[in-house]
Amino acid sequence: MHTLFSYVILVLPKTIHSVCQAWLKAESECNDVLEKDAQNSKALFRRATALEQQNKLEEAARDLEACLKVEEDAAVSKALDRVKLRITRQKEQEKKMYAKMFK
């Protein structure tokens, strides 16, 4: 029990922080590439992935749509469908939450 507790309290937050920092770094690096070449489909896709992982779904969807305009790709289409579904679910959850608040 003590070992599990130590892991949850000491190690897990550091791991989560590292993962979050990696997504932020990936987003920043893609921003640098896209400043020079706004049509770089790889950078758009990678930034969309980083944004999705940070739960910035609207921004991720915009990048994926821009990526599809540059280059039709099944993986990009699939990612866009997934992000749009997450956006829909998130809006439904928010709607339910606000409905409960104002009853």
N, C-alpha and C. Protein backbone atom coordinates (compact mmCIF):
# COMPACT_ATOMS: atom_id res chain seq x y z
N MET A 1 0.83 -1.19 0.00
CA MET A 1 0.00 0.00 0.00
C MET A 1 0.87 1.25 0.00
N HIS A 2 1.88 1.24 0.83
CA HIS A 2 2.77 2.39 0.92
C HIS A 2 3.42 2.69 -0.43
N THR A 3 3.81 1.66 -1.17
CA THR A 3 4.45 1.85 -2.46
C THR A 3 3.48 2.47 -3.47
N LEU A 4 2.27 1.98 -3.51
CA LEU A 4 1.27 2.54 -4.42
C LEU A 4 0.98 3.99 -4.07
N PHE A 5 0.86 4.26 -2.80
CA PHE A 5 0.62 5.64 -2.35
C PHE A 5 1.77 6.55 -2.78
N SER A 6 2.99 6.09 -2.58
CA SER A 6 4.16 6.88 -2.97
C SER A 6 4.16 7.14 -4.47
N TYR A 7 3.81 6.12 -5.24
CA TYR A 7 3.77 6.27 -6.70
C TYR A 7 2.74 7.32 -7.10
N VAL A 8 1.55 7.22 -6.55
CA VAL A 8 0.47 8.13 -6.91
C VAL A 8 0.80 9.56 -6.50
N ILE A 9 1.36 9.73 -5.32
CA ILE A 9 1.64 11.07 -4.80
C ILE A 9 2.92 11.68 -5.38
N LEU A 10 3.96 10.87 -5.54
CA LEU A 10 5.26 11.41 -5.93
C LEU A 10 5.59 11.28 -7.40
N VAL A 11 5.29 10.15 -8.00
CA VAL A 11 5.73 9.89 -9.36
C VAL A 11 4.70 10.31 -10.40
N LEU A 12 3.46 9.97 -10.19
CA LEU A 12 2.42 10.23 -11.19
C LEU A 12 2.30 11.71 -11.57
N PRO A 13 2.27 12.64 -10.63
CA PRO A 13 2.18 14.05 -11.04
C PRO A 13 3.36 14.50 -11.91
N LYS A 14 4.54 14.00 -11.61
CA LYS A 14 5.72 14.36 -12.42
C LYS A 14 5.59 13.79 -13.83
N THR A 15 5.07 12.59 -13.93
CA THR A 15 4.87 11.96 -15.24
C THR A 15 3.84 12.74 -16.05
N ILE A 16 2.74 13.07 -15.41
CA ILE A 16 1.69 13.84 -16.09
C ILE A 16 2.24 15.18 -16.54
N HIS A 17 3.01 15.83 -15.69
CA HIS A 17 3.61 17.13 -16.04
C HIS A 17 4.53 16.98 -17.25
N SER A 18 5.32 15.92 -17.28
CA SER A 18 6.24 15.68 -18.40
C SER A 18 5.48 15.50 -19.70
N VAL A 19 4.40 14.75 -19.64
CA VAL A 19 3.59 14.51 -20.85
C VAL A 19 2.97 15.82 -21.33
N CYS A 20 2.43 16.60 -20.40
CA CYS A 20 1.83 17.89 -20.77
C CYS A 20 2.87 18.82 -21.39
N GLN A 21 4.05 18.84 -20.81
CA GLN A 21 5.12 19.67 -21.34
C GLN A 21 5.51 19.23 -22.75
N ALA A 22 5.49 17.92 -23.00
CA ALA A 22 5.83 17.40 -24.33
C ALA A 22 4.82 17.88 -25.37
N TRP A 23 3.53 17.89 -25.02
CA TRP A 23 2.51 18.36 -25.97
C TRP A 23 2.66 19.87 -26.21
N LEU A 24 2.98 20.61 -25.16
CA LEU A 24 3.19 22.05 -25.33
C LEU A 24 4.41 22.32 -26.23
N LYS A 25 5.46 21.54 -26.03
CA LYS A 25 6.67 21.70 -26.84
C LYS A 25 6.37 21.35 -28.30
N ALA A 26 5.62 20.28 -28.51
CA ALA A 26 5.26 19.87 -29.87
C ALA A 26 4.45 20.98 -30.55
N GLU A 27 3.50 21.55 -29.82
CA GLU A 27 2.70 22.65 -30.38
C GLU A 27 3.59 23.83 -30.75
N SER A 28 4.50 24.18 -29.87
CA SER A 28 5.40 25.31 -30.11
C SER A 28 6.29 25.06 -31.33
N GLU A 29 6.83 23.87 -31.44
CA GLU A 29 7.69 23.54 -32.59
C GLU A 29 6.90 23.59 -33.90
N CYS A 30 5.68 23.12 -33.87
CA CYS A 30 4.84 23.19 -35.07
C CYS A 30 4.51 24.64 -35.42
N ASN A 31 4.27 25.46 -34.41
CA ASN A 31 4.03 26.89 -34.66
C ASN A 31 5.21 27.51 -35.40
N ASP A 32 6.42 27.15 -34.99
CA ASP A 32 7.62 27.67 -35.65
C ASP A 32 7.66 27.28 -37.12
N VAL A 33 7.35 26.02 -37.40
CA VAL A 33 7.35 25.54 -38.79
C VAL A 33 6.26 26.24 -39.59
N LEU A 34 5.08 26.38 -38.99
CA LEU A 34 3.94 26.96 -39.71
C LEU A 34 4.10 28.46 -39.94
N GLU A 35 4.92 29.13 -39.14
CA GLU A 35 5.22 30.55 -39.41
C GLU A 35 5.94 30.69 -40.74
N LYS A 36 6.78 29.72 -41.07
CA LYS A 36 7.56 29.75 -42.31
C LYS A 36 6.79 29.15 -43.48
N ASP A 37 5.95 28.15 -43.19
CA ASP A 37 5.20 27.45 -44.23
C ASP A 37 3.83 27.07 -43.69
N ALA A 38 2.86 27.95 -43.87
CA ALA A 38 1.51 27.75 -43.32
C ALA A 38 0.79 26.56 -43.92
N GLN A 39 1.28 26.02 -45.02
CA GLN A 39 0.63 24.90 -45.69
C GLN A 39 1.32 23.56 -45.41
N ASN A 40 2.21 23.52 -44.43
CA ASN A 40 2.93 22.29 -44.12
C ASN A 40 1.97 21.32 -43.45
N SER A 41 1.56 20.30 -44.20
CA SER A 41 0.53 19.38 -43.71
C SER A 41 1.00 18.57 -42.51
N LYS A 42 2.27 18.18 -42.47
CA LYS A 42 2.77 17.42 -41.32
C LYS A 42 2.71 18.26 -40.05
N ALA A 43 3.12 19.52 -40.16
CA ALA A 43 3.09 20.40 -38.98
C ALA A 43 1.65 20.67 -38.55
N LEU A 44 0.75 20.85 -39.50
CA LEU A 44 -0.66 21.06 -39.16
C LEU A 44 -1.23 19.83 -38.43
N PHE A 45 -0.91 18.64 -38.95
CA PHE A 45 -1.42 17.41 -38.33
C PHE A 45 -0.82 17.22 -36.94
N ARG A 46 0.47 17.44 -36.81
CA ARG A 46 1.11 17.25 -35.50
C ARG A 46 0.63 18.28 -34.49
N ARG A 47 0.44 19.52 -34.94
CA ARG A 47 -0.08 20.52 -34.01
C ARG A 47 -1.51 20.18 -33.61
N ALA A 48 -2.30 19.70 -34.56
CA ALA A 48 -3.67 19.28 -34.24
C ALA A 48 -3.67 18.17 -33.21
N THR A 49 -2.76 17.23 -33.35
CA THR A 49 -2.65 16.14 -32.38
C THR A 49 -2.29 16.68 -31.01
N ALA A 50 -1.32 17.59 -30.96
CA ALA A 50 -0.92 18.19 -29.68
C ALA A 50 -2.08 18.98 -29.07
N LEU A 51 -2.80 19.71 -29.89
CA LEU A 51 -3.94 20.48 -29.39
C LEU A 51 -5.03 19.57 -28.87
N GLU A 52 -5.29 18.48 -29.58
CA GLU A 52 -6.31 17.54 -29.13
C GLU A 52 -5.94 16.96 -27.76
N GLN A 53 -4.68 16.62 -27.60
CA GLN A 53 -4.23 16.05 -26.33
C GLN A 53 -4.33 17.06 -25.18
N GLN A 54 -4.31 18.35 -25.52
CA GLN A 54 -4.48 19.40 -24.52
C GLN A 54 -5.95 19.79 -24.36
N ASN A 55 -6.81 19.08 -25.05
CA ASN A 55 -8.26 19.33 -25.03
C ASN A 55 -8.64 20.68 -25.64
N LYS A 56 -7.84 21.15 -26.57
CA LYS A 56 -8.15 22.36 -27.33
C LYS A 56 -8.77 21.89 -28.65
N LEU A 57 -9.99 21.40 -28.54
CA LEU A 57 -10.60 20.66 -29.64
C LEU A 57 -10.96 21.54 -30.84
N GLU A 58 -11.48 22.73 -30.59
CA GLU A 58 -11.86 23.61 -31.71
C GLU A 58 -10.62 23.98 -32.54
N GLU A 59 -9.52 24.28 -31.86
CA GLU A 59 -8.28 24.61 -32.57
C GLU A 59 -7.76 23.40 -33.35
N ALA A 60 -7.85 22.23 -32.73
CA ALA A 60 -7.40 21.01 -33.39
C ALA A 60 -8.22 20.76 -34.66
N ALA A 61 -9.53 20.96 -34.58
CA ALA A 61 -10.39 20.76 -35.75
C ALA A 61 -10.03 21.73 -36.87
N ARG A 62 -9.74 22.98 -36.52
CA ARG A 62 -9.33 23.96 -37.54
C ARG A 62 -8.06 23.52 -38.25
N ASP A 63 -7.08 23.05 -37.48
CA ASP A 63 -5.83 22.58 -38.09
C ASP A 63 -6.06 21.37 -38.98
N LEU A 64 -6.90 20.45 -38.54
CA LEU A 64 -7.16 19.26 -39.35
C LEU A 64 -7.89 19.62 -40.64
N GLU A 65 -8.82 20.56 -40.57
CA GLU A 65 -9.52 21.00 -41.78
C GLU A 65 -8.54 21.68 -42.73
N ALA A 66 -7.63 22.49 -42.20
CA ALA A 66 -6.62 23.14 -43.04
C ALA A 66 -5.70 22.09 -43.67
N CYS A 67 -5.39 21.07 -42.91
CA CYS A 67 -4.53 19.99 -43.40
C CYS A 67 -5.20 19.26 -44.57
N LEU A 68 -6.50 19.02 -44.44
CA LEU A 68 -7.23 18.34 -45.51
C LEU A 68 -7.30 19.18 -46.78
N LYS A 69 -7.32 20.51 -46.63
CA LYS A 69 -7.32 21.38 -47.81
C LYS A 69 -6.01 21.28 -48.57
N VAL A 70 -4.93 21.05 -47.83
CA VAL A 70 -3.60 20.94 -48.43
C VAL A 70 -3.43 19.56 -49.05
N GLU A 71 -3.88 18.54 -48.32
CA GLU A 71 -3.62 17.17 -48.75
C GLU A 71 -4.69 16.22 -48.20
N GLU A 72 -5.40 15.55 -49.09
CA GLU A 72 -6.39 14.56 -48.67
C GLU A 72 -5.65 13.36 -48.09
N ASP A 73 -6.05 12.97 -46.88
CA ASP A 73 -5.38 11.85 -46.22
C ASP A 73 -6.38 11.16 -45.30
N ALA A 74 -6.41 9.84 -45.35
CA ALA A 74 -7.37 9.08 -44.55
C ALA A 74 -7.13 9.26 -43.05
N ALA A 75 -5.88 9.32 -42.64
CA ALA A 75 -5.57 9.49 -41.21
C ALA A 75 -6.05 10.85 -40.71
N VAL A 76 -5.92 11.86 -41.54
CA VAL A 76 -6.37 13.21 -41.16
C VAL A 76 -7.89 13.23 -41.07
N SER A 77 -8.56 12.62 -42.04
CA SER A 77 -10.03 12.55 -42.02
C SER A 77 -10.53 11.83 -40.78
N LYS A 78 -9.87 10.74 -40.45
CA LYS A 78 -10.25 9.96 -39.27
C LYS A 78 -10.04 10.79 -38.00
N ALA A 79 -8.92 11.50 -37.93
CA ALA A 79 -8.64 12.35 -36.76
C ALA A 79 -9.68 13.46 -36.66
N LEU A 80 -10.05 14.06 -37.79
CA LEU A 80 -11.05 15.12 -37.78
C LEU A 80 -12.40 14.60 -37.30
N ASP A 81 -12.78 13.43 -37.77
CA ASP A 81 -14.04 12.82 -37.30
C ASP A 81 -14.02 12.60 -35.79
N ARG A 82 -12.88 12.10 -35.29
CA ARG A 82 -12.74 11.85 -33.86
C ARG A 82 -12.85 13.15 -33.05
N VAL A 83 -12.18 14.20 -33.52
CA VAL A 83 -12.20 15.49 -32.82
C VAL A 83 -13.61 16.08 -32.86
N LYS A 84 -14.26 16.01 -34.00
CA LYS A 84 -15.63 16.54 -34.09
C LYS A 84 -16.58 15.78 -33.16
N LEU A 85 -16.40 14.48 -33.05
CA LEU A 85 -17.22 13.69 -32.14
C LEU A 85 -16.96 14.12 -30.69
N ARG A 86 -15.69 14.34 -30.35
CA ARG A 86 -15.36 14.79 -28.99
C ARG A 86 -15.97 16.16 -28.71
N ILE A 87 -15.97 17.04 -29.71
CA ILE A 87 -16.56 18.37 -29.55
C ILE A 87 -18.06 18.24 -29.28
N THR A 88 -18.72 17.40 -30.07
CA THR A 88 -20.16 17.17 -29.90
C THR A 88 -20.46 16.64 -28.51
N ARG A 89 -19.70 15.66 -28.08
CA ARG A 89 -19.92 15.07 -26.75
C ARG A 89 -19.67 16.10 -25.65
N GLN A 90 -18.64 16.90 -25.83
CA GLN A 90 -18.33 17.93 -24.83
C GLN A 90 -19.46 18.95 -24.73
N LYS A 91 -20.00 19.35 -25.88
CA LYS A 91 -21.11 20.31 -25.87
C LYS A 91 -22.36 19.71 -25.23
N GLU A 92 -22.60 18.44 -25.48
CA GLU A 92 -23.75 17.76 -24.85
C GLU A 92 -23.59 17.71 -23.33
N GLN A 93 -22.38 17.41 -22.88
CA GLN A 93 -22.11 17.37 -21.44
C GLN A 93 -22.32 18.75 -20.81
N GLU A 94 -21.81 19.78 -21.49
CA GLU A 94 -21.97 21.14 -20.98
C GLU A 94 -23.44 21.52 -20.91
N LYS A 95 -24.19 21.14 -21.94
CA LYS A 95 -25.62 21.44 -21.98
C LYS A 95 -26.35 20.79 -20.81
N LYS A 96 -26.02 19.52 -20.54
CA LYS A 96 -26.64 18.81 -19.42
C LYS A 96 -26.25 19.46 -18.10
N MET A 97 -25.00 19.85 -17.97
CA MET A 97 -24.53 20.45 -16.74
C MET A 97 -25.23 21.77 -16.48
N TYR A 98 -25.35 22.60 -17.51
CA TYR A 98 -26.02 23.89 -17.35
C TYR A 98 -27.53 23.72 -17.12
N ALA A 99 -28.10 22.71 -17.70
CA ALA A 99 -29.52 22.44 -17.50
C ALA A 99 -29.78 22.10 -16.04
N LYS A 100 -28.88 21.34 -15.43
CA LYS A 100 -29.03 20.98 -14.02
C LYS A 100 -28.83 22.20 -13.11
N MET A 101 -27.96 23.10 -13.52
CA MET A 101 -27.67 24.29 -12.70
C MET A 101 -28.85 25.24 -12.61
N PHE A 102 -29.64 25.31 -13.67
CA PHE A 102 -30.70 26.30 -13.73
C PHE A 102 -32.09 25.69 -13.59
N LYS A 103 -32.19 24.53 -12.97
CA LYS A 103 -33.49 23.90 -12.74
C LYS A 103 -34.12 24.46 -11.50
